[in-house]
Every structure is written in C-alpha cells, then in structure tokens.
Amino acid sequence: MDKKTIQRMLSNYGILMVLIVLFVFFSITSPNFLRPMNLFNILRQVSIVGISAVGMTMVLLTGGIDLSVGSIIGVAGVGTAELMLMGIHPVLACLVMLIVSGLIGMLNGFFINRMDVPPLITTLGMMTSLRGLAYIITGGLPVFGFVATFAKLGQGYVWIIPIPVIVMVVIFIFGILLLVKTRFGRYIYGVGGNEEATRLSGVNIKRVKYLVYGMSGFLSGLAGIILLSRINSGQPKAGQGYEMDIITAVVLGGVSISGGEGRLSMVIIGVLIMGVLTNGMIMMNVNDYVQQLVKGLVLIAAVSFDRYQARKSINN
C-alpha cells in the first residue's frame, strides 16, 4: 500500500477511526459506557447538536459561519415556554417560535447581504443580543408549569428509540437529499466554492444566503424546543456554548471552514464523536473545566487538519 493510498484512506475514513478509538477507550475505562441505556442516552444528548448541525453545515458550505445558534436555541425554548404559559396550544406555540427562529436567521442574512457585515461579526452580535433577550423574557428565572404532555417530544420513545433521535435522523435525511439531489444544494456548494463564478452563472447569491441562514435559525429553534421538552423547563441559559460543539462537530465531519467542500453524511460522525467524548469524560468524572479544554483542542485540531488538507490539495 503506497503513501498516497494511506493518505486517501486517512482523509476519507480517519474521522470514523477516531470514533472507533473513542468507543474502545471509554468502554475500557468505564464499564458502564457500553450499556444500552447509556448509548441511547448519548444519542438523545447529541440530537440537539445534530439537528442544529445540519443548518450549520449549509452555512459553512457557503463560506459563512453562524455563532448565534446557541442563543437561538435558548430564545426558542423560553419563548415557547412563555407562550404555553399564556394559554396558547403547545403546537401553535412551537410553530410561532419556529417561524421566529427562521426569521432571526434571515435577519442574519440581511445584515450579511445588505449591510455587508462579515458573518462572524453579524452572528456574534446576534448571539450576544439574543442571550440578553432570553434573560429579559424570563427575568433571569426558569420558566415552568406548562402541560405535562409536552414533555413527550423530548422524553418520549417510539418503540425503544427516543423521539429526539428520530427527529434528528429525519432532519439529516432531509439535509442530505437537499444538498445531493437538488439544484439548490448545488448552489450552496457553488457559493462556497467560487462565489463570483456562481453569481456570473446566474445564481442569486443573496437569496441562497438568506435561505441557508434562515434554515440554520429554523433548525436551531427546533433544537431549542426539543431541549425545552427534554428538561421540561425554559432556561435563559439553555444552549449556551452549544455553538462551539456544533461548529466542532461539523468541522470534524470534514466540512471546510472555507466553504464549498464537505458531506453532511460525515457530519453525523462528527456529531457522534462530540457526544461520545462528552459522555465518556462525564463517566470518567472529568470536571467541566477540563472538558472545555479538551473540546477547544479538538476544534483547533479539526481546523488545523482542514487547513492542512487545503494546502496539500493546492500543492498537488
């Protein structure tokens, strides 16, 4: 086996190898890790990150970034909780906040498209503002006391499979089909790969960006509603820090931060790695500060590998 073949295998399947190594390591260090209950718990936990990661993937493929996803998760949760406490039917409350979340995403698109504000600055500002809004809405206090049946969305099962996991799988299938089988998916890759060439070919670049940021906001809102149902309480700090887990999972999945390259099918593995890593460290009683250190290093390593791959492809 020559050097190029090995490099190609590492590039295509290295992330899967990392997942396998983590599984083996944590199964050895923690006897409870491989118990079915814990494995389903990992899947339930990663569903929030996974759902939002689909929208983040589309944003990164266009060459952008969305740091507001964690705050949208929080606002969607407390907003839905407050609406239900006002007597609005849970289904209607969820629909309202999904629309609001999508509009927040499109507002990001407006500042990026019309005001020419860089995506990093736009979404960073939105992240800070929305977190403040979540605390304003709740007065800094948890919101609870809504109908018990709402908890089924985040805590229920279909057979032995948690409902949030089913929702995540459906969203991933939708995202993969959109990116692989539709013209709009090709536009997303085109914008990230060569925006000017895509524009000259007749594609409405601004519309594409509006839609991908709108989808990112919508899916983060859905993740926030499921998180609300799972913990059965609207917390103003819900989703805080999730943006880094989501971005790390997407980059680990091979999506280039420069845009135009990456497969959503591999992002699933990136999401699982983040879930396994977090769960394994908790079972090993690793404190929160060390967990933050490890996750930060994982993100740096993933981006460094992405840059290395980009340089290597240019040199070749």
Protein backbone atom coordinates (compact mmCIF):
# COMPACT_ATOMS: atom_id res chain seq x y z
CA MET A 1 0.00 0.00 0.00
CA ASP A 2 1.62 3.25 -1.13
CA LYS A 3 1.75 6.58 0.69
CA LYS A 4 -0.97 8.23 -1.41
CA THR A 5 -3.40 5.38 -0.74
CA ILE A 6 -2.80 5.66 3.01
CA GLN A 7 -3.29 9.43 2.89
CA ARG A 8 -6.51 9.00 0.92
CA MET A 9 -7.83 6.45 3.43
CA LEU A 10 -6.98 8.71 6.35
CA SER A 11 -8.67 11.63 4.62
CA ASN A 12 -11.84 9.64 3.86
CA TYR A 13 -12.10 7.41 6.92
CA GLY A 14 -9.87 8.99 9.56
CA ILE A 15 -12.83 10.53 11.37
CA LEU A 16 -14.52 7.11 11.59
CA MET A 17 -11.33 5.67 13.06
CA VAL A 18 -11.34 8.40 15.70
CA LEU A 19 -14.91 7.45 16.68
CA ILE A 20 -13.96 3.77 16.96
CA VAL A 21 -10.89 4.59 19.08
CA LEU A 22 -13.02 6.70 21.44
CA PHE A 23 -15.56 3.90 21.77
CA VAL A 24 -12.83 1.38 22.61
CA PHE A 25 -11.08 3.75 25.05
CA PHE A 26 -14.20 4.71 27.02
CA SER A 27 -15.53 1.13 27.06
CA ILE A 28 -12.26 0.07 28.73
CA THR A 29 -12.05 2.98 31.18
CA SER A 30 -15.75 2.90 32.12
CA PRO A 31 -17.61 -0.42 32.43
CA ASN A 32 -20.99 1.31 32.14
CA PHE A 33 -20.20 3.07 28.87
CA LEU A 34 -21.44 0.32 26.53
CA ARG A 35 -24.68 -0.32 28.39
CA PRO A 36 -27.68 0.13 26.04
CA MET A 37 -29.22 2.73 28.33
CA ASN A 38 -26.07 4.87 28.15
CA LEU A 39 -25.75 4.50 24.38
CA PHE A 40 -29.34 5.66 23.91
CA ASN A 41 -28.62 8.49 26.34
CA ILE A 42 -25.71 9.59 24.11
CA LEU A 43 -27.99 9.60 21.07
CA ARG A 44 -30.62 11.63 22.92
CA GLN A 45 -27.99 14.13 24.07
CA VAL A 46 -26.43 14.60 20.62
CA SER A 47 -29.82 15.11 18.97
CA ILE A 48 -29.81 18.81 19.93
CA VAL A 49 -26.36 19.38 18.47
CA GLY A 50 -27.16 17.15 15.48
CA ILE A 51 -30.32 18.97 14.43
CA SER A 52 -28.62 22.36 14.56
CA ALA A 53 -25.50 20.95 12.86
CA VAL A 54 -27.49 20.37 9.66
CA GLY A 55 -28.16 24.09 9.37
CA MET A 56 -24.59 24.95 10.38
CA THR A 57 -23.27 22.64 7.66
CA MET A 58 -25.18 24.55 4.99
CA VAL A 59 -23.91 27.87 6.36
CA LEU A 60 -20.28 26.71 6.42
CA LEU A 61 -20.60 25.28 2.90
CA THR A 62 -21.37 28.80 1.66
CA GLY A 63 -18.22 30.07 3.35
CA GLY A 64 -20.09 31.67 6.27
CA ILE A 65 -20.49 30.92 9.96
CA ASP A 66 -23.34 31.21 12.46
CA LEU A 67 -22.37 31.83 16.08
CA SER A 68 -25.95 32.69 17.06
CA VAL A 69 -27.26 29.10 17.02
CA GLY A 70 -26.81 28.53 20.76
CA SER A 71 -28.67 31.72 21.63
CA ILE A 72 -31.46 30.87 19.17
CA ILE A 73 -31.81 27.54 20.98
CA GLY A 74 -32.24 29.45 24.24
CA VAL A 75 -34.69 32.05 22.90
CA ALA A 76 -36.79 29.41 21.13
CA GLY A 77 -37.04 27.44 24.36
CA VAL A 78 -38.04 30.26 26.68
CA GLY A 79 -40.28 31.82 24.02
CA THR A 80 -42.20 28.58 23.56
CA ALA A 81 -42.48 28.13 27.33
CA GLU A 82 -43.84 31.66 27.84
CA LEU A 83 -46.38 31.23 25.03
CA MET A 84 -47.66 27.99 26.56
CA LEU A 85 -47.99 29.66 29.96
CA MET A 86 -50.13 32.32 28.26
CA GLY A 87 -52.58 29.57 27.31
CA ILE A 88 -51.52 29.08 23.70
CA HIS A 89 -51.73 25.49 22.46
CA PRO A 90 -48.27 23.79 22.52
CA VAL A 91 -48.37 23.02 18.78
CA LEU A 92 -49.17 26.65 17.91
CA ALA A 93 -46.55 27.92 20.37
CA CYS A 94 -43.93 25.71 18.72
CA LEU A 95 -44.92 26.84 15.23
CA VAL A 96 -44.72 30.51 16.23
CA MET A 97 -41.22 30.11 17.67
CA LEU A 98 -40.04 28.07 14.69
CA ILE A 99 -41.12 30.92 12.41
CA VAL A 100 -39.47 33.48 14.72
CA SER A 101 -36.25 31.41 14.75
CA GLY A 102 -36.24 31.23 10.95
CA LEU A 103 -36.77 34.99 10.75
CA ILE A 104 -33.87 35.57 13.15
CA GLY A 105 -31.70 33.51 10.81
CA MET A 106 -32.87 35.55 7.83
CA LEU A 107 -32.11 38.72 9.80
CA ASN A 108 -28.54 37.45 10.00
CA GLY A 109 -28.71 37.05 6.24
CA PHE A 110 -29.98 40.62 5.87
CA PHE A 111 -27.01 42.15 7.70
CA ILE A 112 -24.60 39.91 5.78
CA ASN A 113 -26.20 40.56 2.37
CA ARG A 114 -27.44 44.14 2.54
CA MET A 115 -25.21 45.74 5.16
CA ASP A 116 -22.12 43.81 4.09
CA VAL A 117 -21.29 42.93 7.71
CA PRO A 118 -18.98 39.88 7.93
CA PRO A 119 -20.83 36.70 9.06
CA LEU A 120 -18.57 36.33 12.10
CA ILE A 121 -19.42 39.82 13.42
CA THR A 122 -23.11 39.61 12.48
CA THR A 123 -23.75 36.32 14.22
CA LEU A 124 -21.51 37.18 17.19
CA GLY A 125 -23.58 40.31 17.78
CA MET A 126 -26.80 38.34 17.34
CA MET A 127 -25.54 35.68 19.76
CA THR A 128 -24.97 38.31 22.47
CA SER A 129 -28.23 40.18 21.83
CA LEU A 130 -30.40 37.05 21.80
CA ARG A 131 -28.87 35.76 25.02
CA GLY A 132 -29.76 39.08 26.62
CA LEU A 133 -33.27 38.78 25.18
CA ALA A 134 -33.68 35.33 26.74
CA TYR A 135 -32.87 36.80 30.16
CA ILE A 136 -35.19 39.75 29.56
CA ILE A 137 -38.08 37.45 28.62
CA THR A 138 -37.66 35.30 31.73
CA GLY A 139 -36.34 37.88 34.17
CA GLY A 140 -33.38 35.55 34.62
CA LEU A 141 -35.59 32.83 36.12
CA PRO A 142 -36.58 29.38 34.80
CA VAL A 143 -39.99 29.10 33.14
CA PHE A 144 -42.01 26.00 34.03
CA GLY A 145 -45.53 24.80 34.75
CA PHE A 146 -46.78 24.05 31.23
CA VAL A 147 -48.71 20.95 30.16
CA ALA A 148 -47.08 17.63 31.02
CA THR A 149 -47.84 16.09 27.62
CA PHE A 150 -45.37 18.50 26.01
CA ALA A 151 -42.54 16.54 27.65
CA LYS A 152 -43.19 13.59 25.34
CA LEU A 153 -41.42 15.37 22.48
CA GLY A 154 -38.11 15.41 24.32
CA GLN A 155 -38.54 12.47 26.67
CA GLY A 156 -40.77 10.03 24.79
CA TYR A 157 -39.97 6.95 22.74
CA VAL A 158 -41.16 5.23 19.59
CA TRP A 159 -40.55 1.60 20.48
CA ILE A 160 -37.11 1.86 22.12
CA ILE A 161 -35.87 4.83 20.09
CA PRO A 162 -36.02 8.31 21.71
CA ILE A 163 -38.19 10.74 19.75
CA PRO A 164 -35.42 13.40 19.55
CA VAL A 165 -33.20 10.83 17.81
CA ILE A 166 -35.93 10.14 15.24
CA VAL A 167 -36.30 13.87 14.61
CA MET A 168 -32.53 14.21 14.17
CA VAL A 169 -32.38 11.33 11.68
CA VAL A 170 -35.26 12.79 9.65
CA ILE A 171 -33.54 16.20 9.56
CA PHE A 172 -30.25 14.63 8.44
CA ILE A 173 -32.00 12.69 5.66
CA PHE A 174 -33.73 15.88 4.53
CA GLY A 175 -30.43 17.79 4.57
CA ILE A 176 -28.53 15.12 2.65
CA LEU A 177 -31.23 14.91 -0.03
CA LEU A 178 -31.33 18.71 -0.29
CA LEU A 179 -27.57 19.01 -0.75
CA VAL A 180 -27.07 16.00 -3.03
CA LYS A 181 -30.23 15.78 -5.10
CA THR A 182 -31.43 19.35 -5.63
CA ARG A 183 -30.33 22.36 -7.66
CA PHE A 184 -30.38 24.46 -4.52
CA GLY A 185 -27.84 22.09 -2.96
CA ARG A 186 -25.52 22.63 -5.91
CA TYR A 187 -25.95 26.38 -5.48
CA ILE A 188 -24.85 26.09 -1.82
CA TYR A 189 -21.66 24.29 -2.82
CA GLY A 190 -21.13 26.76 -5.67
CA VAL A 191 -21.38 29.82 -3.41
CA GLY A 192 -18.77 28.41 -1.06
CA GLY A 193 -16.51 27.08 -3.80
CA ASN A 194 -16.42 30.12 -6.06
CA GLU A 195 -18.96 32.82 -5.28
CA GLU A 196 -18.13 35.06 -8.21
CA ALA A 197 -18.31 32.26 -10.79
CA THR A 198 -21.62 31.11 -9.30
CA ARG A 199 -23.00 34.66 -9.49
CA LEU A 200 -21.91 35.01 -13.12
CA SER A 201 -23.70 31.76 -13.94
CA GLY A 202 -26.99 33.41 -12.96
CA VAL A 203 -27.44 32.21 -9.38
CA ASN A 204 -28.97 34.66 -6.91
CA ILE A 205 -26.21 34.57 -4.29
CA LYS A 206 -28.07 36.71 -1.77
CA ARG A 207 -31.17 34.51 -1.91
CA VAL A 208 -29.04 31.42 -1.24
CA LYS A 209 -27.50 33.08 1.81
CA TYR A 210 -30.88 34.24 3.10
CA LEU A 211 -32.20 30.70 2.86
CA VAL A 212 -29.23 28.93 4.47
CA TYR A 213 -29.16 31.33 7.42
CA GLY A 214 -32.94 31.06 7.67
CA MET A 215 -32.68 27.25 7.77
CA SER A 216 -29.92 27.47 10.36
CA GLY A 217 -32.16 29.62 12.55
CA PHE A 218 -35.19 27.39 11.98
CA LEU A 219 -33.34 24.17 12.85
CA SER A 220 -31.74 25.76 15.91
CA GLY A 221 -35.23 26.81 17.00
CA LEU A 222 -36.39 23.21 16.59
CA ALA A 223 -33.43 22.04 18.66
CA GLY A 224 -34.35 24.58 21.34
CA ILE A 225 -37.94 23.36 21.51
CA ILE A 226 -36.79 19.74 21.87
CA LEU A 227 -34.33 20.77 24.59
CA LEU A 228 -37.15 22.60 26.38
CA SER A 229 -39.28 19.45 26.24
CA ARG A 230 -36.42 17.28 27.45
CA ILE A 231 -35.62 19.32 30.56
CA ASN A 232 -39.28 20.42 30.97
CA SER A 233 -38.18 23.93 31.88
CA GLY A 234 -37.37 27.08 29.94
CA GLN A 235 -33.88 28.12 30.99
CA PRO A 236 -32.50 31.50 29.79
CA LYS A 237 -29.00 29.98 29.63
CA ALA A 238 -30.15 26.95 27.60
CA GLY A 239 -27.95 26.37 24.56
CA GLN A 240 -25.11 28.45 25.96
CA GLY A 241 -21.84 27.18 24.48
CA TYR A 242 -23.62 24.87 22.04
CA GLU A 243 -22.39 26.90 19.09
CA MET A 244 -18.85 25.63 19.67
CA ASP A 245 -19.96 21.99 19.96
CA ILE A 246 -21.98 22.38 16.76
CA ILE A 247 -19.18 24.02 14.79
CA THR A 248 -16.66 21.46 16.09
CA ALA A 249 -18.93 18.57 15.09
CA VAL A 250 -19.40 19.98 11.58
CA VAL A 251 -15.69 20.66 11.03
CA LEU A 252 -14.82 17.22 12.44
CA GLY A 253 -17.20 15.82 9.83
CA GLY A 254 -14.96 17.21 7.11
CA VAL A 255 -16.83 20.39 6.16
CA SER A 256 -14.29 23.02 5.16
CA ILE A 257 -14.41 26.32 7.02
CA SER A 258 -13.56 27.96 3.69
CA GLY A 259 -16.75 26.63 2.14
CA GLY A 260 -17.61 24.50 -0.86
CA GLU A 261 -16.36 21.17 0.49
CA GLY A 262 -17.83 18.57 2.82
CA ARG A 263 -20.52 15.93 3.14
CA LEU A 264 -23.41 16.05 5.57
CA SER A 265 -23.29 12.25 5.87
CA MET A 266 -19.86 12.58 7.52
CA VAL A 267 -21.11 15.31 9.86
CA ILE A 268 -23.15 12.58 11.57
CA ILE A 269 -19.87 11.01 12.68
CA GLY A 270 -18.60 14.38 13.91
CA VAL A 271 -21.77 14.79 15.99
CA LEU A 272 -21.35 11.30 17.46
CA ILE A 273 -17.71 12.00 18.33
CA MET A 274 -18.71 15.09 20.31
CA GLY A 275 -21.42 13.13 22.09
CA VAL A 276 -19.18 10.16 22.90
CA LEU A 277 -16.37 12.46 24.04
CA THR A 278 -18.64 14.44 26.37
CA ASN A 279 -20.40 11.38 27.77
CA GLY A 280 -17.16 9.46 28.24
CA MET A 281 -15.48 12.31 30.09
CA ILE A 282 -18.51 12.67 32.38
CA MET A 283 -18.44 8.95 33.18
CA MET A 284 -14.73 9.29 33.99
CA ASN A 285 -15.62 12.17 36.36
CA VAL A 286 -13.63 14.69 34.35
CA ASN A 287 -14.58 18.17 35.58
CA ASP A 288 -16.18 20.82 33.37
CA TYR A 289 -13.04 22.91 33.03
CA VAL A 290 -11.04 20.02 31.62
CA GLN A 291 -13.93 19.16 29.29
CA GLN A 292 -13.87 22.72 27.92
CA LEU A 293 -10.10 22.45 27.43
CA VAL A 294 -10.43 19.17 25.53
CA LYS A 295 -13.26 20.43 23.31
CA GLY A 296 -11.30 23.56 22.45
CA LEU A 297 -8.26 21.49 21.50
CA VAL A 298 -10.45 19.20 19.38
CA LEU A 299 -11.77 22.22 17.47
CA ILE A 300 -8.24 23.56 16.90
CA ALA A 301 -7.08 20.13 15.73
CA ALA A 302 -10.04 19.78 13.35
CA VAL A 303 -9.49 23.22 11.80
CA SER A 304 -5.73 22.60 11.56
CA PHE A 305 -6.36 19.36 9.68
CA ASP A 306 -8.79 21.18 7.38
CA ARG A 307 -6.14 23.80 6.58
CA TYR A 308 -3.51 21.11 6.04
CA GLN A 309 -5.79 19.30 3.59
CA ALA A 310 -6.46 22.58 1.75
CA ARG A 311 -2.75 23.37 1.42
CA LYS A 312 -1.98 19.85 0.27
CA SER A 313 -4.67 19.96 -2.43
CA ILE A 314 -3.27 23.29 -3.71
CA ASN A 315 0.27 21.92 -3.83
CA ASN A 316 -0.89 18.83 -5.69
